[in-house]
Amino acid sequence: MTTPIVYSSSTLVFSPFPFNSKAFLPQIHQICSSPQKPRNFSLQNGKKFSTHFTPMVSGSSSVVYAQYAEEPATSVKFLKSVDLPGCSSSLSLLGTGYREKVFAIIGVKVYAAGLYVNPSMLNELSPWKGKSKPEVEKDLALFQSIYQSSLEKSLQISLVRDVDGKTFWDALDEAVSPKIKVPTPVDESALSTFQSIFQGLSLKKGTLILLTWLEPSKMLVSVSLNGIPTKVDATIESMNVTKALFDVFFGESPVSPTLKSSVANGLAITL
């Protein structure tokens, strides 16, 4: 049986569960006419979590409620469960964070990010059951196990400011390239393919970028200027490049410490 994933941020914790919209239909008028407060639920282990629902109108006669988690520093909302291009099953949100760059001693938030994983991956991480959040966060072997898993995982990046494609790639390449000491022709080809995706693009606030690892040596890249991407823009097949990218976010010196911390907290609660 698949273990439910518990998402964690500094403001809320929840465990994904099936949502039956029909049960809410008799209450639509009441829900839409009064402010909503987080609803508390109890997990089997006795811990509580909160959920937030945002109404989205579809047509004139139906209201669909999507459960989401909000990254607190940027207010970016992430769906707790998503179906992504190239993935064989739905992925669940494990944690969120943000990337900040310093310009003239002023910190500027560039994007929010969330890590999604195949829920079955938790079975592979059972050796870390019972570990505390600090223990999980500093355990590089655990994060390498996530990377090495043959189950899908995906990093969703949501821009919180406008940036041109070249600037975005240059910042990413600056973090990735030093981790590949002696690039092979395969590595160079993969990096060139990756770079070509962003050349000439004007990435507006709200643009979503997906880095989806189907397996350790194969990663899909998808970009959408409007909502969750529905297609794959490029396939990267280089173990050195895909590992370097994963380490940029979950290695010893992550570019988003808040993301790694949130994921570690989610794992500590869930395992």
C-alpha atoms as a PDB file:
ATOM      1  CA  MET A   1       0.000   0.000   0.000  1.00  0.00           C
ATOM      2  CA  THR A   2       1.365   3.411  -0.934  1.00  0.00           C
ATOM      3  CA  THR A   3       2.184   5.643   2.021  1.00  0.00           C
ATOM      4  CA  PRO A   4       0.547   9.093   1.809  1.00  0.00           C
ATOM      5  CA  ILE A   5       3.043  11.910   1.432  1.00  0.00           C
ATOM      6  CA  VAL A   6       2.972  14.727   3.935  1.00  0.00           C
ATOM      7  CA  TYR A   7       3.878  18.112   2.516  1.00  0.00           C
ATOM      8  CA  SER A   8       5.601  20.506   4.856  1.00  0.00           C
ATOM      9  CA  SER A   9       6.330  24.213   4.816  1.00  0.00           C
ATOM     10  CA  SER A  10       6.836  26.705   7.601  1.00  0.00           C
ATOM     11  CA  THR A  11       3.099  27.365   7.705  1.00  0.00           C
ATOM     12  CA  LEU A  12       1.200  24.164   7.019  1.00  0.00           C
ATOM     13  CA  VAL A  13       1.420  20.420   6.808  1.00  0.00           C
ATOM     14  CA  PHE A  14      -0.965  18.168   4.947  1.00  0.00           C
ATOM     15  CA  SER A  15      -1.296  14.689   3.574  1.00  0.00           C
ATOM     16  CA  PRO A  16      -2.840  14.185   0.108  1.00  0.00           C
ATOM     17  CA  PHE A  17      -6.146  12.361   0.105  1.00  0.00           C
ATOM     18  CA  PRO A  18      -8.837  11.639  -2.504  1.00  0.00           C
ATOM     19  CA  PHE A  19     -11.162  14.588  -2.941  1.00  0.00           C
ATOM     20  CA  ASN A  20     -14.830  14.040  -3.766  1.00  0.00           C
ATOM     21  CA  SER A  21     -16.245  17.237  -5.243  1.00  0.00           C
ATOM     22  CA  LYS A  22     -19.815  15.866  -5.142  1.00  0.00           C
ATOM     23  CA  ALA A  23     -19.764  15.953  -1.368  1.00  0.00           C
ATOM     24  CA  PHE A  24     -19.247  19.704  -1.557  1.00  0.00           C
ATOM     25  CA  LEU A  25     -21.939  20.533  -4.113  1.00  0.00           C
ATOM     26  CA  PRO A  26     -24.736  21.063  -1.547  1.00  0.00           C
ATOM     27  CA  GLN A  27     -22.444  23.499   0.266  1.00  0.00           C
ATOM     28  CA  ILE A  28     -21.312  25.542  -2.739  1.00  0.00           C
ATOM     29  CA  HIS A  29     -23.500  28.530  -1.931  1.00  0.00           C
ATOM     30  CA  GLN A  30     -22.317  28.616   1.663  1.00  0.00           C
ATOM     31  CA  ILE A  31     -18.658  28.160   0.728  1.00  0.00           C
ATOM     32  CA  CYS A  32     -18.638  30.795  -1.991  1.00  0.00           C
ATOM     33  CA  SER A  33     -20.459  33.390   0.087  1.00  0.00           C
ATOM     34  CA  SER A  34     -18.310  33.248   3.209  1.00  0.00           C
ATOM     35  CA  PRO A  35     -14.539  33.519   3.876  1.00  0.00           C
ATOM     36  CA  GLN A  36     -12.793  30.175   4.105  1.00  0.00           C
ATOM     37  CA  LYS A  37     -10.582  29.106   6.953  1.00  0.00           C
ATOM     38  CA  PRO A  38      -8.077  26.249   6.887  1.00  0.00           C
ATOM     39  CA  ARG A  39      -9.707  22.957   7.834  1.00  0.00           C
ATOM     40  CA  ASN A  40      -7.905  20.621  10.192  1.00  0.00           C
ATOM     41  CA  PHE A  41      -7.766  16.874   9.660  1.00  0.00           C
ATOM     42  CA  SER A  42      -6.105  14.137  11.689  1.00  0.00           C
ATOM     43  CA  LEU A  43      -3.696  11.623  10.226  1.00  0.00           C
ATOM     44  CA  GLN A  44      -3.609   8.007  11.344  1.00  0.00           C
ATOM     45  CA  ASN A  45      -0.547   8.791  13.430  1.00  0.00           C
ATOM     46  CA  GLY A  46      -2.496  11.433  15.345  1.00  0.00           C
ATOM     47  CA  LYS A  47      -0.780  14.435  13.750  1.00  0.00           C
ATOM     48  CA  LYS A  48      -2.907  17.229  12.363  1.00  0.00           C
ATOM     49  CA  PHE A  49      -2.633  19.060   9.097  1.00  0.00           C
ATOM     50  CA  SER A  50      -4.435  21.922   7.422  1.00  0.00           C
ATOM     51  CA  THR A  51      -5.794  22.216   3.915  1.00  0.00           C
ATOM     52  CA  HIS A  52      -6.642  25.260   1.845  1.00  0.00           C
ATOM     53  CA  PHE A  53      -9.073  25.203  -1.047  1.00  0.00           C
ATOM     54  CA  THR A  54      -9.271  27.711  -3.870  1.00  0.00           C
ATOM     55  CA  PRO A  55     -12.474  27.774  -5.926  1.00  0.00           C
ATOM     56  CA  MET A  56     -11.942  27.761  -9.701  1.00  0.00           C
ATOM     57  CA  VAL A  57     -14.992  28.209 -11.909  1.00  0.00           C
ATOM     58  CA  SER A  58     -15.314  25.808 -14.832  1.00  0.00           C
ATOM     59  CA  GLY A  59     -18.281  26.717 -17.024  1.00  0.00           C
ATOM     60  CA  SER A  60     -21.421  28.269 -15.544  1.00  0.00           C
ATOM     61  CA  SER A  61     -22.715  25.381 -13.464  1.00  0.00           C
ATOM     62  CA  SER A  62     -19.789  23.758 -11.701  1.00  0.00           C
ATOM     63  CA  VAL A  63     -17.134  24.724  -9.210  1.00  0.00           C
ATOM     64  CA  VAL A  64     -13.965  22.690  -8.894  1.00  0.00           C
ATOM     65  CA  TYR A  65     -11.938  22.858  -5.702  1.00  0.00           C
ATOM     66  CA  ALA A  66      -8.204  22.317  -6.033  1.00  0.00           C
ATOM     67  CA  GLN A  67      -6.153  21.634  -2.950  1.00  0.00           C
ATOM     68  CA  TYR A  68      -2.879  23.503  -2.885  1.00  0.00           C
ATOM     69  CA  ALA A  69       0.043  24.421  -0.654  1.00  0.00           C
ATOM     70  CA  GLU A  70       1.392  27.948  -0.495  1.00  0.00           C
ATOM     71  CA  GLU A  71       5.097  28.727  -0.376  1.00  0.00           C
ATOM     72  CA  PRO A  72       5.018  31.344   2.412  1.00  0.00           C
ATOM     73  CA  ALA A  73       7.821  33.688   1.309  1.00  0.00           C
ATOM     74  CA  THR A  74       6.511  34.180  -2.244  1.00  0.00           C
ATOM     75  CA  SER A  75       2.810  33.266  -1.848  1.00  0.00           C
ATOM     76  CA  VAL A  76       3.151  30.932  -4.849  1.00  0.00           C
ATOM     77  CA  LYS A  77       0.607  28.110  -4.709  1.00  0.00           C
ATOM     78  CA  PHE A  78       1.509  24.534  -5.622  1.00  0.00           C
ATOM     79  CA  LEU A  79      -1.011  21.798  -6.333  1.00  0.00           C
ATOM     80  CA  LYS A  80      -0.537  18.943  -3.887  1.00  0.00           C
ATOM     81  CA  SER A  81      -0.843  16.332  -6.650  1.00  0.00           C
ATOM     82  CA  VAL A  82      -0.076  16.721 -10.356  1.00  0.00           C
ATOM     83  CA  ASP A  83      -0.003  14.749 -13.587  1.00  0.00           C
ATOM     84  CA  LEU A  84       3.055  15.827 -15.543  1.00  0.00           C
ATOM     85  CA  PRO A  85       4.218  15.234 -19.130  1.00  0.00           C
ATOM     86  CA  GLY A  86       6.101  11.955 -19.470  1.00  0.00           C
ATOM     87  CA  CYS A  87       5.170  10.599 -16.033  1.00  0.00           C
ATOM     88  CA  SER A  88       3.372   7.276 -15.648  1.00  0.00           C
ATOM     89  CA  SER A  89       1.412   8.320 -12.549  1.00  0.00           C
ATOM     90  CA  SER A  90       0.521  11.330 -10.424  1.00  0.00           C
ATOM     91  CA  LEU A  91       3.272  12.891  -8.327  1.00  0.00           C
ATOM     92  CA  SER A  92       2.787  14.334  -4.837  1.00  0.00           C
ATOM     93  CA  LEU A  93       4.254  17.513  -3.392  1.00  0.00           C
ATOM     94  CA  LEU A  94       6.910  16.941  -0.741  1.00  0.00           C
ATOM     95  CA  GLY A  95       8.123  20.468   0.022  1.00  0.00           C
ATOM     96  CA  THR A  96       8.582  24.005  -1.305  1.00  0.00           C
ATOM     97  CA  GLY A  97      11.057  26.855  -1.041  1.00  0.00           C
ATOM     98  CA  TYR A  98      12.371  29.871  -2.913  1.00  0.00           C
ATOM     99  CA  ARG A  99      15.513  31.057  -4.683  1.00  0.00           C
ATOM    100  CA  GLU A 100      16.954  34.415  -3.745  1.00  0.00           C
ATOM    101  CA  LYS A 101      19.731  36.325  -5.487  1.00  0.00           C
ATOM    102  CA  VAL A 102      21.605  39.190  -3.867  1.00  0.00           C
ATOM    103  CA  PHE A 103      22.067  42.365  -5.902  1.00  0.00           C
ATOM    104  CA  ALA A 104      23.949  45.242  -4.255  1.00  0.00           C
ATOM    105  CA  ILE A 105      23.405  43.631  -0.812  1.00  0.00           C
ATOM    106  CA  ILE A 106      19.650  43.434  -1.434  1.00  0.00           C
ATOM    107  CA  GLY A 107      18.050  39.982  -1.575  1.00  0.00           C
ATOM    108  CA  VAL A 108      15.684  39.555  -4.521  1.00  0.00           C
ATOM    109  CA  LYS A 109      13.428  36.511  -4.796  1.00  0.00           C
ATOM    110  CA  VAL A 110      13.612  35.009  -8.291  1.00  0.00           C
ATOM    111  CA  TYR A 111      11.431  31.912  -8.126  1.00  0.00           C
ATOM    112  CA  ALA A 112       9.582  29.497  -5.890  1.00  0.00           C
ATOM    113  CA  ALA A 113      10.171  25.771  -6.286  1.00  0.00           C
ATOM    114  CA  GLY A 114       8.442  22.584  -5.222  1.00  0.00           C
ATOM    115  CA  LEU A 115       9.633  18.980  -5.288  1.00  0.00           C
ATOM    116  CA  TYR A 116       7.158  16.318  -6.409  1.00  0.00           C
ATOM    117  CA  VAL A 117       7.821  12.586  -6.108  1.00  0.00           C
ATOM    118  CA  ASN A 118       6.107   9.326  -6.926  1.00  0.00           C
ATOM    119  CA  PRO A 119       4.447   8.356  -3.598  1.00  0.00           C
ATOM    120  CA  SER A 120       5.811   4.809  -3.921  1.00  0.00           C
ATOM    121  CA  MET A 121       9.293   6.229  -3.420  1.00  0.00           C
ATOM    122  CA  LEU A 122       8.615   6.438   0.315  1.00  0.00           C
ATOM    123  CA  ASN A 123       8.867   2.652   0.501  1.00  0.00           C
ATOM    124  CA  GLU A 124      12.453   2.907  -0.767  1.00  0.00           C
ATOM    125  CA  LEU A 125      13.275   5.477   1.919  1.00  0.00           C
ATOM    126  CA  SER A 126      12.078   3.352   4.845  1.00  0.00           C
ATOM    127  CA  PRO A 127      15.650   2.987   6.254  1.00  0.00           C
ATOM    128  CA  TRP A 128      15.353   6.644   7.297  1.00  0.00           C
ATOM    129  CA  LYS A 129      12.086   6.151   9.150  1.00  0.00           C
ATOM    130  CA  GLY A 130      12.108   7.882  12.533  1.00  0.00           C
ATOM    131  CA  LYS A 131      14.877  10.347  11.647  1.00  0.00           C
ATOM    132  CA  SER A 132      14.420  13.948  12.749  1.00  0.00           C
ATOM    133  CA  LYS A 133      14.270  16.846  10.305  1.00  0.00           C
ATOM    134  CA  PRO A 134      17.875  17.989  11.056  1.00  0.00           C
ATOM    135  CA  GLU A 135      19.107  14.406  10.599  1.00  0.00           C
ATOM    136  CA  VAL A 136      17.281  14.075   7.282  1.00  0.00           C
ATOM    137  CA  GLU A 137      18.420  17.461   5.996  1.00  0.00           C
ATOM    138  CA  LYS A 138      22.131  16.763   6.471  1.00  0.00           C
ATOM    139  CA  ASP A 139      21.976  13.158   5.235  1.00  0.00           C
ATOM    140  CA  LEU A 140      23.314  13.325   1.677  1.00  0.00           C
ATOM    141  CA  ALA A 141      22.813   9.571   1.253  1.00  0.00           C
ATOM    142  CA  LEU A 142      19.052  10.016   1.610  1.00  0.00           C
ATOM    143  CA  PHE A 143      18.883  12.666  -1.105  1.00  0.00           C
ATOM    144  CA  GLN A 144      21.116  10.575  -3.343  1.00  0.00           C
ATOM    145  CA  SER A 145      18.671   7.703  -2.858  1.00  0.00           C
ATOM    146  CA  ILE A 146      15.904   9.976  -4.125  1.00  0.00           C
ATOM    147  CA  TYR A 147      18.009  10.869  -7.163  1.00  0.00           C
ATOM    148  CA  GLN A 148      19.020   7.261  -7.862  1.00  0.00           C
ATOM    149  CA  SER A 149      15.470   5.939  -7.593  1.00  0.00           C
ATOM    150  CA  SER A 150      13.952   4.667 -10.833  1.00  0.00           C
ATOM    151  CA  LEU A 151      10.672   6.307  -9.781  1.00  0.00           C
ATOM    152  CA  GLU A 152       9.821   9.740 -11.149  1.00  0.00           C
ATOM    153  CA  LYS A 153      10.482  12.995  -9.331  1.00  0.00           C
ATOM    154  CA  SER A 154      10.017  16.516 -10.625  1.00  0.00           C
ATOM    155  CA  LEU A 155      11.100  19.993  -9.623  1.00  0.00           C
ATOM    156  CA  GLN A 156       8.559  22.687 -10.456  1.00  0.00           C
ATOM    157  CA  ILE A 157      10.017  26.183 -10.709  1.00  0.00           C
ATOM    158  CA  SER A 158       7.610  29.130 -10.701  1.00  0.00           C
ATOM    159  CA  LEU A 159       9.101  32.513 -11.571  1.00  0.00           C
ATOM    160  CA  VAL A 160       8.072  35.385  -9.311  1.00  0.00           C
ATOM    161  CA  ARG A 161       9.589  38.081 -11.522  1.00  0.00           C
ATOM    162  CA  ASP A 162      10.253  38.639 -15.227  1.00  0.00           C
ATOM    163  CA  VAL A 163      13.603  37.360 -16.505  1.00  0.00           C
ATOM    164  CA  ASP A 164      14.938  36.708 -19.991  1.00  0.00           C
ATOM    165  CA  GLY A 165      15.803  33.150 -20.955  1.00  0.00           C
ATOM    166  CA  LYS A 166      19.522  33.816 -21.328  1.00  0.00           C
ATOM    167  CA  THR A 167      19.789  35.221 -17.807  1.00  0.00           C
ATOM    168  CA  PHE A 168      17.936  32.229 -16.383  1.00  0.00           C
ATOM    169  CA  TRP A 169      20.166  29.765 -18.226  1.00  0.00           C
ATOM    170  CA  ASP A 170      23.375  31.614 -17.312  1.00  0.00           C
ATOM    171  CA  ALA A 171      22.458  31.440 -13.613  1.00  0.00           C
ATOM    172  CA  LEU A 172      21.644  27.734 -13.884  1.00  0.00           C
ATOM    173  CA  ASP A 173      24.767  26.959 -15.895  1.00  0.00           C
ATOM    174  CA  GLU A 174      26.875  28.860 -13.362  1.00  0.00           C
ATOM    175  CA  ALA A 175      25.673  26.445 -10.685  1.00  0.00           C
ATOM    176  CA  VAL A 176      25.757  23.251 -12.787  1.00  0.00           C
ATOM    177  CA  SER A 177      28.993  23.464 -14.794  1.00  0.00           C
ATOM    178  CA  PRO A 178      31.424  23.525 -11.818  1.00  0.00           C
ATOM    179  CA  LYS A 179      29.959  20.197 -10.689  1.00  0.00           C
ATOM    180  CA  ILE A 180      30.995  18.534 -13.973  1.00  0.00           C
ATOM    181  CA  LYS A 181      34.781  18.499 -13.729  1.00  0.00           C
ATOM    182  CA  VAL A 182      35.601  16.968 -17.126  1.00  0.00           C
ATOM    183  CA  PRO A 183      32.576  17.162 -19.460  1.00  0.00           C
ATOM    184  CA  THR A 184      32.262  14.358 -21.998  1.00  0.00           C
ATOM    185  CA  PRO A 185      30.840  14.922 -25.498  1.00  0.00           C
ATOM    186  CA  VAL A 186      27.551  13.518 -24.163  1.00  0.00           C
ATOM    187  CA  ASP A 187      27.578  16.065 -21.329  1.00  0.00           C
ATOM    188  CA  GLU A 188      28.342  18.940 -23.686  1.00  0.00           C
ATOM    189  CA  SER A 189      25.554  17.886 -26.036  1.00  0.00           C
ATOM    190  CA  ALA A 190      23.103  17.670 -23.126  1.00  0.00           C
ATOM    191  CA  LEU A 191      24.078  21.121 -21.845  1.00  0.00           C
ATOM    192  CA  SER A 192      23.738  22.562 -25.348  1.00  0.00           C
ATOM    193  CA  THR A 193      20.254  21.059 -25.670  1.00  0.00           C
ATOM    194  CA  PHE A 194      19.319  22.439 -22.270  1.00  0.00           C
ATOM    195  CA  GLN A 195      20.605  25.904 -23.163  1.00  0.00           C
ATOM    196  CA  SER A 196      18.734  25.989 -26.481  1.00  0.00           C
ATOM    197  CA  ILE A 197      15.384  25.735 -24.674  1.00  0.00           C
ATOM    198  CA  PHE A 198      15.811  29.148 -23.065  1.00  0.00           C
ATOM    199  CA  GLN A 199      17.516  31.063 -25.865  1.00  0.00           C
ATOM    200  CA  GLY A 200      15.329  33.930 -27.038  1.00  0.00           C
ATOM    201  CA  LEU A 201      12.607  33.250 -24.480  1.00  0.00           C
ATOM    202  CA  SER A 202      11.106  36.040 -22.430  1.00  0.00           C
ATOM    203  CA  LEU A 203      10.182  34.347 -19.166  1.00  0.00           C
ATOM    204  CA  LYS A 204       7.427  36.319 -17.483  1.00  0.00           C
ATOM    205  CA  LYS A 205       6.354  36.195 -13.865  1.00  0.00           C
ATOM    206  CA  GLY A 206       4.279  33.035 -13.434  1.00  0.00           C
ATOM    207  CA  THR A 207       6.230  30.989 -15.997  1.00  0.00           C
ATOM    208  CA  LEU A 208       6.521  27.348 -14.911  1.00  0.00           C
ATOM    209  CA  ILE A 209       9.589  25.219 -15.603  1.00  0.00           C
ATOM    210  CA  LEU A 210       9.607  21.485 -14.924  1.00  0.00           C
ATOM    211  CA  LEU A 211      12.737  19.391 -14.462  1.00  0.00           C
ATOM    212  CA  THR A 212      11.463  15.811 -14.352  1.00  0.00           C
ATOM    213  CA  TRP A 213      13.791  12.894 -13.664  1.00  0.00           C
ATOM    214  CA  LEU A 214      12.270   9.743 -15.195  1.00  0.00           C
ATOM    215  CA  GLU A 215      15.355   7.826 -14.091  1.00  0.00           C
ATOM    216  CA  PRO A 216      18.800   8.939 -12.920  1.00  0.00           C
ATOM    217  CA  SER A 217      20.240   9.459 -16.405  1.00  0.00           C
ATOM    218  CA  LYS A 218      17.122  10.799 -18.136  1.00  0.00           C
ATOM    219  CA  MET A 219      15.462  14.131 -17.432  1.00  0.00           C
ATOM    220  CA  LEU A 220      12.614  15.919 -19.193  1.00  0.00           C
ATOM    221  CA  VAL A 221      12.437  19.705 -19.442  1.00  0.00           C
ATOM    222  CA  SER A 222       9.127  21.497 -19.934  1.00  0.00           C
ATOM    223  CA  VAL A 223       8.380  25.221 -20.007  1.00  0.00           C
ATOM    224  CA  SER A 224       4.980  26.902 -19.951  1.00  0.00           C
ATOM    225  CA  LEU A 225       4.103  30.585 -19.878  1.00  0.00           C
ATOM    226  CA  ASN A 226       0.552  29.710 -18.859  1.00  0.00           C
ATOM    227  CA  GLY A 227      -0.116  27.002 -16.279  1.00  0.00           C
ATOM    228  CA  ILE A 228       1.269  23.490 -15.832  1.00  0.00           C
ATOM    229  CA  PRO A 229       3.217  22.396 -18.946  1.00  0.00           C
ATOM    230  CA  THR A 230       1.437  19.825 -21.093  1.00  0.00           C
ATOM    231  CA  LYS A 231       4.350  18.796 -23.317  1.00  0.00           C
ATOM    232  CA  VAL A 232       8.037  17.970 -23.128  1.00  0.00           C
ATOM    233  CA  ASP A 233      10.358  20.563 -24.678  1.00  0.00           C
ATOM    234  CA  ALA A 234      13.589  18.584 -24.398  1.00  0.00           C
ATOM    235  CA  THR A 235      15.039  15.327 -23.113  1.00  0.00           C
ATOM    236  CA  ILE A 236      18.392  15.411 -21.342  1.00  0.00           C
ATOM    237  CA  GLU A 237      20.262  12.099 -21.297  1.00  0.00           C
ATOM    238  CA  SER A 238      23.506  12.543 -19.404  1.00  0.00           C
ATOM    239  CA  MET A 239      24.114  11.126 -15.939  1.00  0.00           C
ATOM    240  CA  ASN A 240      26.622  13.868 -15.128  1.00  0.00           C
ATOM    241  CA  VAL A 241      24.241  16.670 -16.105  1.00  0.00           C
ATOM    242  CA  THR A 242      21.123  15.249 -14.449  1.00  0.00           C
ATOM    243  CA  LYS A 243      23.025  14.516 -11.231  1.00  0.00           C
ATOM    244  CA  ALA A 244      24.632  17.962 -11.208  1.00  0.00           C
ATOM    245  CA  LEU A 245      21.194  19.554 -11.545  1.00  0.00           C
ATOM    246  CA  PHE A 246      19.793  17.496  -8.682  1.00  0.00           C
ATOM    247  CA  ASP A 247      22.793  18.363  -6.498  1.00  0.00           C
ATOM    248  CA  VAL A 248      22.334  22.068  -7.247  1.00  0.00           C
ATOM    249  CA  PHE A 249      19.068  21.888  -5.312  1.00  0.00           C
ATOM    250  CA  PHE A 250      19.646  19.024  -2.858  1.00  0.00           C
ATOM    251  CA  GLY A 251      23.406  18.707  -2.434  1.00  0.00           C
ATOM    252  CA  GLU A 252      25.687  20.118   0.274  1.00  0.00           C
ATOM    253  CA  SER A 253      25.236  23.760  -0.773  1.00  0.00           C
ATOM    254  CA  PRO A 254      21.729  24.027  -2.261  1.00  0.00           C
ATOM    255  CA  VAL A 255      20.770  27.173  -4.173  1.00  0.00           C
ATOM    256  CA  SER A 256      17.505  27.142  -2.222  1.00  0.00           C
ATOM    257  CA  PRO A 257      18.151  26.155   1.405  1.00  0.00           C
ATOM    258  CA  THR A 258      14.464  26.696   2.168  1.00  0.00           C
ATOM    259  CA  LEU A 259      13.450  24.078  -0.410  1.00  0.00           C
ATOM    260  CA  LYS A 260      15.801  21.418   0.933  1.00  0.00           C
ATOM    261  CA  SER A 261      14.740  22.226   4.495  1.00  0.00           C
ATOM    262  CA  SER A 262      11.047  21.936   3.627  1.00  0.00           C
ATOM    263  CA  VAL A 263      11.567  18.626   1.811  1.00  0.00           C
ATOM    264  CA  ALA A 264      13.567  17.295   4.775  1.00  0.00           C
ATOM    265  CA  ASN A 265      10.754  18.286   7.112  1.00  0.00           C
ATOM    266  CA  GLY A 266       8.191  16.589   4.886  1.00  0.00           C
ATOM    267  CA  LEU A 267      10.248  13.401   4.830  1.00  0.00           C
ATOM    268  CA  ALA A 268      10.768  13.429   8.602  1.00  0.00           C
ATOM    269  CA  ILE A 269       7.014  13.711   9.143  1.00  0.00           C
ATOM    270  CA  THR A 270       6.004  11.186   6.491  1.00  0.00           C
ATOM    271  CA  LEU A 271       8.520   8.365   6.870  1.00  0.00           C
END
